[in-house]
């Protein structure tokens, strides 16, 4: 099994998630994301409810294949710009890295 070459961090923590941005790197080199991707959640599939963190009925977002279709307009450009192979493995690694840090508006309870 290969190690994921991507790392992702959403800069805001706690009750201010909507105020953050993505810091994503590939082999420790920072990636430049377009602002519409850098400042929003990534819409990966998961449960983001702070009230019901284990309730599958609260799951939302896109599974990998649908996510690729929805994000390909900017994702492939980012990969090309940073000379990252545009293949299934690298895209899966990217998705995996961001999904661990992904969030949703309201998932922290800060705006309630």
N, C-alpha and C. Protein backbone atom coordinates (compact mmCIF):
# COMPACT_ATOMS: atom_id res chain seq x y z
N UNK A 1 0.84 -1.17 0.00
CA UNK A 1 0.00 0.00 0.00
C UNK A 1 0.89 1.24 0.00
N UNK A 2 0.57 2.19 -0.85
CA UNK A 2 1.33 3.42 -0.95
C UNK A 2 0.84 4.44 0.07
N UNK A 3 1.74 5.32 0.45
CA UNK A 3 1.39 6.40 1.36
C UNK A 3 0.80 7.56 0.57
N UNK A 4 -0.22 8.18 1.11
CA UNK A 4 -0.87 9.30 0.44
C UNK A 4 0.10 10.49 0.34
N UNK A 5 0.40 10.96 -0.87
CA UNK A 5 1.32 12.09 -1.02
C UNK A 5 0.66 13.45 -0.77
N UNK A 6 -0.66 13.45 -0.58
CA UNK A 6 -1.38 14.69 -0.31
C UNK A 6 -1.61 14.85 1.19
N UNK A 7 -1.55 16.08 1.64
CA UNK A 7 -2.01 16.40 2.99
C UNK A 7 -2.93 17.60 2.86
N UNK A 8 -3.96 17.62 3.68
CA UNK A 8 -4.95 18.70 3.61
C UNK A 8 -5.26 19.18 5.02
N UNK A 9 -5.43 20.48 5.12
CA UNK A 9 -5.79 21.09 6.39
C UNK A 9 -6.80 22.19 6.12
N UNK A 10 -7.91 22.16 6.86
CA UNK A 10 -8.85 23.27 6.85
C UNK A 10 -8.42 24.14 8.02
N UNK A 11 -8.11 25.41 7.75
CA UNK A 11 -7.44 26.24 8.75
C UNK A 11 -8.30 26.61 9.95
N UNK A 12 -9.60 26.69 9.80
CA UNK A 12 -10.46 27.07 10.93
C UNK A 12 -10.81 25.85 11.76
N UNK A 13 -10.90 26.05 13.05
CA UNK A 13 -11.25 24.97 13.98
C UNK A 13 -12.35 25.46 14.91
N UNK A 14 -12.95 24.54 15.60
CA UNK A 14 -13.95 24.90 16.60
C UNK A 14 -15.23 25.42 15.99
N UNK A 15 -15.73 26.54 16.52
CA UNK A 15 -17.03 27.07 16.13
C UNK A 15 -16.94 28.16 15.06
N UNK A 16 -15.87 28.15 14.28
CA UNK A 16 -15.72 29.15 13.21
C UNK A 16 -15.27 28.50 11.91
N UNK A 17 -15.78 27.33 11.63
CA UNK A 17 -15.32 26.59 10.45
C UNK A 17 -15.48 27.39 9.16
N UNK A 18 -16.53 28.17 9.04
CA UNK A 18 -16.79 28.89 7.80
C UNK A 18 -15.76 29.99 7.53
N UNK A 19 -14.89 30.28 8.48
CA UNK A 19 -13.91 31.34 8.31
C UNK A 19 -12.55 30.85 7.84
N UNK A 20 -12.43 29.58 7.54
CA UNK A 20 -11.13 29.02 7.16
C UNK A 20 -10.90 28.95 5.66
N UNK A 21 -9.83 28.27 5.32
CA UNK A 21 -9.50 27.98 3.92
C UNK A 21 -8.64 26.71 3.88
N UNK A 22 -8.55 26.14 2.70
CA UNK A 22 -7.78 24.91 2.52
C UNK A 22 -6.30 25.20 2.36
N UNK A 23 -5.49 24.39 3.03
CA UNK A 23 -4.05 24.32 2.80
C UNK A 23 -3.78 22.87 2.39
N UNK A 24 -3.52 22.68 1.12
CA UNK A 24 -3.32 21.34 0.59
C UNK A 24 -1.94 21.27 -0.05
N UNK A 25 -1.24 20.18 0.24
CA UNK A 25 0.09 20.02 -0.35
C UNK A 25 0.21 18.64 -0.99
N UNK A 26 1.14 18.57 -1.90
CA UNK A 26 1.47 17.32 -2.60
C UNK A 26 2.97 17.11 -2.42
N UNK A 27 3.35 16.04 -1.77
CA UNK A 27 4.75 15.80 -1.40
C UNK A 27 5.33 17.04 -0.70
N UNK A 28 4.57 17.59 0.22
CA UNK A 28 4.94 18.75 1.04
C UNK A 28 5.05 20.07 0.27
N UNK A 29 4.70 20.09 -0.99
CA UNK A 29 4.71 21.33 -1.77
C UNK A 29 3.28 21.86 -1.84
N UNK A 30 3.07 23.13 -1.44
CA UNK A 30 1.70 23.67 -1.41
C UNK A 30 1.08 23.77 -2.80
N UNK A 31 -0.22 23.48 -2.86
CA UNK A 31 -0.97 23.60 -4.10
C UNK A 31 -1.72 24.92 -4.11
N UNK A 32 -1.82 25.52 -5.28
CA UNK A 32 -2.62 26.73 -5.48
C UNK A 32 -3.99 26.30 -5.96
N UNK A 33 -5.00 26.57 -5.15
CA UNK A 33 -6.37 26.23 -5.50
C UNK A 33 -7.10 27.49 -5.95
N UNK A 34 -8.07 27.35 -6.85
CA UNK A 34 -8.89 28.51 -7.19
C UNK A 34 -9.70 28.93 -5.96
N UNK A 35 -10.03 30.21 -5.86
CA UNK A 35 -10.69 30.72 -4.64
C UNK A 35 -12.02 30.02 -4.36
N UNK A 36 -12.77 29.65 -5.41
CA UNK A 36 -14.05 28.96 -5.17
C UNK A 36 -13.84 27.59 -4.53
N UNK A 37 -12.69 26.98 -4.70
CA UNK A 37 -12.39 25.70 -4.06
C UNK A 37 -11.65 25.90 -2.74
N UNK A 38 -10.83 26.92 -2.66
CA UNK A 38 -9.99 27.14 -1.48
C UNK A 38 -10.79 27.57 -0.26
N UNK A 39 -11.91 28.25 -0.48
CA UNK A 39 -12.63 28.85 0.63
C UNK A 39 -13.97 28.19 0.96
N UNK A 40 -14.21 27.02 0.39
CA UNK A 40 -15.48 26.31 0.63
C UNK A 40 -15.20 24.86 1.02
N UNK A 41 -16.22 24.22 1.58
CA UNK A 41 -16.08 22.78 1.84
C UNK A 41 -15.92 22.07 0.50
N UNK A 42 -15.39 20.86 0.53
CA UNK A 42 -15.09 20.12 -0.70
C UNK A 42 -16.23 19.22 -1.16
N UNK A 43 -17.29 19.14 -0.39
CA UNK A 43 -18.46 18.34 -0.76
C UNK A 43 -18.16 16.84 -0.85
N UNK A 44 -17.18 16.38 -0.07
CA UNK A 44 -16.93 14.94 -0.01
C UNK A 44 -18.03 14.29 0.82
N UNK A 45 -18.18 12.98 0.68
CA UNK A 45 -19.24 12.25 1.37
C UNK A 45 -18.86 12.00 2.82
N UNK A 46 -19.78 12.29 3.72
CA UNK A 46 -19.53 12.01 5.13
C UNK A 46 -20.69 12.47 5.99
N UNK A 47 -20.54 12.26 7.28
CA UNK A 47 -21.51 12.73 8.26
C UNK A 47 -20.88 13.93 8.95
N UNK A 48 -21.52 15.08 8.83
CA UNK A 48 -20.96 16.32 9.35
C UNK A 48 -21.80 16.92 10.47
N UNK A 49 -22.77 16.19 10.95
CA UNK A 49 -23.64 16.68 12.01
C UNK A 49 -22.92 16.62 13.35
N UNK A 50 -22.89 17.74 14.06
CA UNK A 50 -22.29 17.73 15.38
C UNK A 50 -23.26 17.17 16.41
N UNK A 51 -24.55 17.17 16.09
CA UNK A 51 -25.53 16.58 17.00
C UNK A 51 -25.63 15.06 16.87
N UNK A 52 -25.51 14.58 15.62
CA UNK A 52 -25.67 13.15 15.34
C UNK A 52 -24.50 12.64 14.51
N UNK A 53 -23.30 12.61 15.08
CA UNK A 53 -22.10 12.27 14.30
C UNK A 53 -22.03 10.83 13.80
N UNK A 54 -22.89 9.95 14.29
CA UNK A 54 -22.89 8.56 13.85
C UNK A 54 -24.15 8.16 13.10
N UNK A 55 -24.99 9.13 12.78
CA UNK A 55 -26.28 8.84 12.14
C UNK A 55 -26.14 8.90 10.62
N UNK A 56 -26.21 7.74 9.98
CA UNK A 56 -26.08 7.65 8.52
C UNK A 56 -27.14 8.48 7.79
N UNK A 57 -28.28 8.72 8.45
CA UNK A 57 -29.31 9.56 7.82
C UNK A 57 -28.84 11.00 7.66
N UNK A 58 -27.80 11.38 8.37
CA UNK A 58 -27.26 12.74 8.29
C UNK A 58 -26.10 12.84 7.29
N UNK A 59 -25.79 11.74 6.62
CA UNK A 59 -24.69 11.77 5.64
C UNK A 59 -25.07 12.64 4.46
N UNK A 60 -24.06 13.32 3.92
CA UNK A 60 -24.27 14.16 2.76
C UNK A 60 -22.97 14.25 1.97
N UNK A 61 -23.05 14.85 0.80
CA UNK A 61 -21.88 15.00 -0.05
C UNK A 61 -21.85 13.96 -1.15
N UNK A 62 -20.76 13.98 -1.88
CA UNK A 62 -20.65 13.14 -3.07
C UNK A 62 -19.62 12.02 -2.87
N UNK A 63 -19.98 10.79 -3.24
CA UNK A 63 -18.98 9.73 -3.26
C UNK A 63 -17.95 10.03 -4.36
N UNK A 64 -16.83 9.36 -4.32
CA UNK A 64 -15.69 9.68 -5.16
C UNK A 64 -16.02 9.89 -6.64
N UNK A 65 -16.68 8.95 -7.26
CA UNK A 65 -16.93 9.06 -8.72
C UNK A 65 -17.77 10.29 -9.06
N UNK A 66 -18.81 10.55 -8.28
CA UNK A 66 -19.64 11.74 -8.52
C UNK A 66 -18.86 13.01 -8.19
N UNK A 67 -18.03 12.95 -7.18
CA UNK A 67 -17.22 14.10 -6.78
C UNK A 67 -16.25 14.49 -7.90
N UNK A 68 -15.62 13.50 -8.51
CA UNK A 68 -14.70 13.79 -9.62
C UNK A 68 -15.43 14.52 -10.74
N UNK A 69 -16.61 14.04 -11.09
CA UNK A 69 -17.39 14.70 -12.15
C UNK A 69 -17.72 16.14 -11.78
N UNK A 70 -18.07 16.37 -10.52
CA UNK A 70 -18.47 17.71 -10.09
C UNK A 70 -17.29 18.67 -9.95
N UNK A 71 -16.12 18.16 -9.63
CA UNK A 71 -14.96 19.02 -9.35
C UNK A 71 -13.93 19.03 -10.48
N UNK A 72 -14.15 18.27 -11.52
CA UNK A 72 -13.14 18.16 -12.59
C UNK A 72 -12.84 19.49 -13.26
N UNK A 73 -13.78 20.43 -13.23
CA UNK A 73 -13.57 21.72 -13.89
C UNK A 73 -12.35 22.46 -13.32
N UNK A 74 -12.06 22.31 -12.03
CA UNK A 74 -10.88 22.96 -11.47
C UNK A 74 -9.82 21.96 -11.03
N UNK A 75 -10.21 20.76 -10.64
CA UNK A 75 -9.26 19.78 -10.10
C UNK A 75 -8.20 19.39 -11.12
N UNK A 76 -8.60 19.10 -12.34
CA UNK A 76 -7.63 18.69 -13.36
C UNK A 76 -6.67 19.82 -13.69
N UNK A 77 -7.14 21.06 -13.66
CA UNK A 77 -6.25 22.20 -13.88
C UNK A 77 -5.20 22.31 -12.78
N UNK A 78 -5.62 22.11 -11.54
CA UNK A 78 -4.68 22.15 -10.41
C UNK A 78 -3.64 21.05 -10.55
N UNK A 79 -4.09 19.84 -10.86
CA UNK A 79 -3.15 18.74 -11.04
C UNK A 79 -2.17 19.05 -12.16
N UNK A 80 -2.66 19.55 -13.27
CA UNK A 80 -1.81 19.88 -14.41
C UNK A 80 -0.81 20.97 -14.04
N UNK A 81 -1.27 22.00 -13.37
CA UNK A 81 -0.42 23.13 -12.97
C UNK A 81 0.73 22.67 -12.08
N UNK A 82 0.49 21.66 -11.24
CA UNK A 82 1.50 21.20 -10.30
C UNK A 82 2.16 19.89 -10.73
N UNK A 83 1.94 19.52 -11.98
CA UNK A 83 2.54 18.31 -12.57
C UNK A 83 2.25 17.06 -11.75
N UNK A 84 1.00 16.94 -11.34
CA UNK A 84 0.52 15.77 -10.62
C UNK A 84 -0.18 14.87 -11.63
N UNK A 85 0.15 13.59 -11.64
CA UNK A 85 -0.53 12.69 -12.59
C UNK A 85 -2.05 12.72 -12.40
N UNK A 86 -2.75 12.85 -13.51
CA UNK A 86 -4.21 12.84 -13.47
C UNK A 86 -4.65 11.39 -13.70
N UNK A 87 -4.63 10.63 -12.63
CA UNK A 87 -5.04 9.23 -12.70
C UNK A 87 -5.89 8.90 -11.48
N UNK A 88 -6.50 7.73 -11.53
CA UNK A 88 -7.44 7.34 -10.48
C UNK A 88 -6.80 7.34 -9.09
N UNK A 89 -5.59 6.86 -8.98
CA UNK A 89 -4.94 6.75 -7.67
C UNK A 89 -4.70 8.14 -7.06
N UNK A 90 -4.15 9.06 -7.85
CA UNK A 90 -3.86 10.39 -7.32
C UNK A 90 -5.13 11.16 -6.97
N UNK A 91 -6.15 11.02 -7.79
CA UNK A 91 -7.42 11.68 -7.48
C UNK A 91 -8.04 11.09 -6.22
N UNK A 92 -7.95 9.78 -6.06
CA UNK A 92 -8.45 9.13 -4.84
C UNK A 92 -7.69 9.60 -3.61
N UNK A 93 -6.38 9.73 -3.74
CA UNK A 93 -5.57 10.23 -2.62
C UNK A 93 -5.99 11.65 -2.23
N UNK A 94 -6.20 12.50 -3.25
CA UNK A 94 -6.62 13.87 -2.99
C UNK A 94 -7.96 13.87 -2.24
N UNK A 95 -8.92 13.12 -2.75
CA UNK A 95 -10.24 13.01 -2.12
C UNK A 95 -10.11 12.52 -0.67
N UNK A 96 -9.31 11.51 -0.47
CA UNK A 96 -9.11 10.95 0.87
C UNK A 96 -8.53 12.00 1.82
N UNK A 97 -7.55 12.77 1.35
CA UNK A 97 -6.92 13.78 2.19
C UNK A 97 -7.92 14.88 2.58
N UNK A 98 -8.68 15.38 1.62
CA UNK A 98 -9.61 16.47 1.94
C UNK A 98 -10.82 15.97 2.72
N UNK A 99 -11.23 14.73 2.48
CA UNK A 99 -12.41 14.23 3.19
C UNK A 99 -12.18 14.14 4.69
N UNK A 100 -10.94 13.94 5.11
CA UNK A 100 -10.63 13.87 6.55
C UNK A 100 -10.78 15.21 7.23
N UNK A 101 -10.69 16.30 6.47
CA UNK A 101 -10.79 17.64 7.03
C UNK A 101 -12.04 18.39 6.57
N UNK A 102 -12.86 17.74 5.75
CA UNK A 102 -14.01 18.42 5.16
C UNK A 102 -15.01 18.81 6.25
N UNK A 103 -15.87 19.72 5.93
CA UNK A 103 -16.83 20.29 6.87
C UNK A 103 -18.06 20.74 6.10
N UNK A 104 -19.08 21.16 6.81
CA UNK A 104 -20.27 21.75 6.21
C UNK A 104 -20.69 22.94 7.04
N UNK A 105 -21.29 23.90 6.40
CA UNK A 105 -21.83 25.04 7.11
C UNK A 105 -22.82 24.51 8.16
N UNK A 106 -22.62 24.87 9.39
CA UNK A 106 -23.47 24.38 10.46
C UNK A 106 -22.93 23.14 11.14
N UNK A 107 -21.89 22.49 10.59
CA UNK A 107 -21.41 21.26 11.20
C UNK A 107 -20.65 21.49 12.50
N UNK A 108 -20.29 22.73 12.78
CA UNK A 108 -19.60 23.01 14.04
C UNK A 108 -20.57 23.53 15.10
N UNK A 109 -21.77 23.94 14.67
CA UNK A 109 -22.75 24.48 15.62
C UNK A 109 -22.53 25.94 15.94
N UNK A 110 -21.52 26.56 15.33
CA UNK A 110 -21.18 27.94 15.64
C UNK A 110 -22.22 28.97 15.21
N UNK A 111 -22.95 28.69 14.16
CA UNK A 111 -23.91 29.68 13.65
C UNK A 111 -25.33 29.40 14.15
N UNK A 112 -25.48 28.40 14.99
CA UNK A 112 -26.83 28.08 15.47
C UNK A 112 -27.28 29.01 16.57
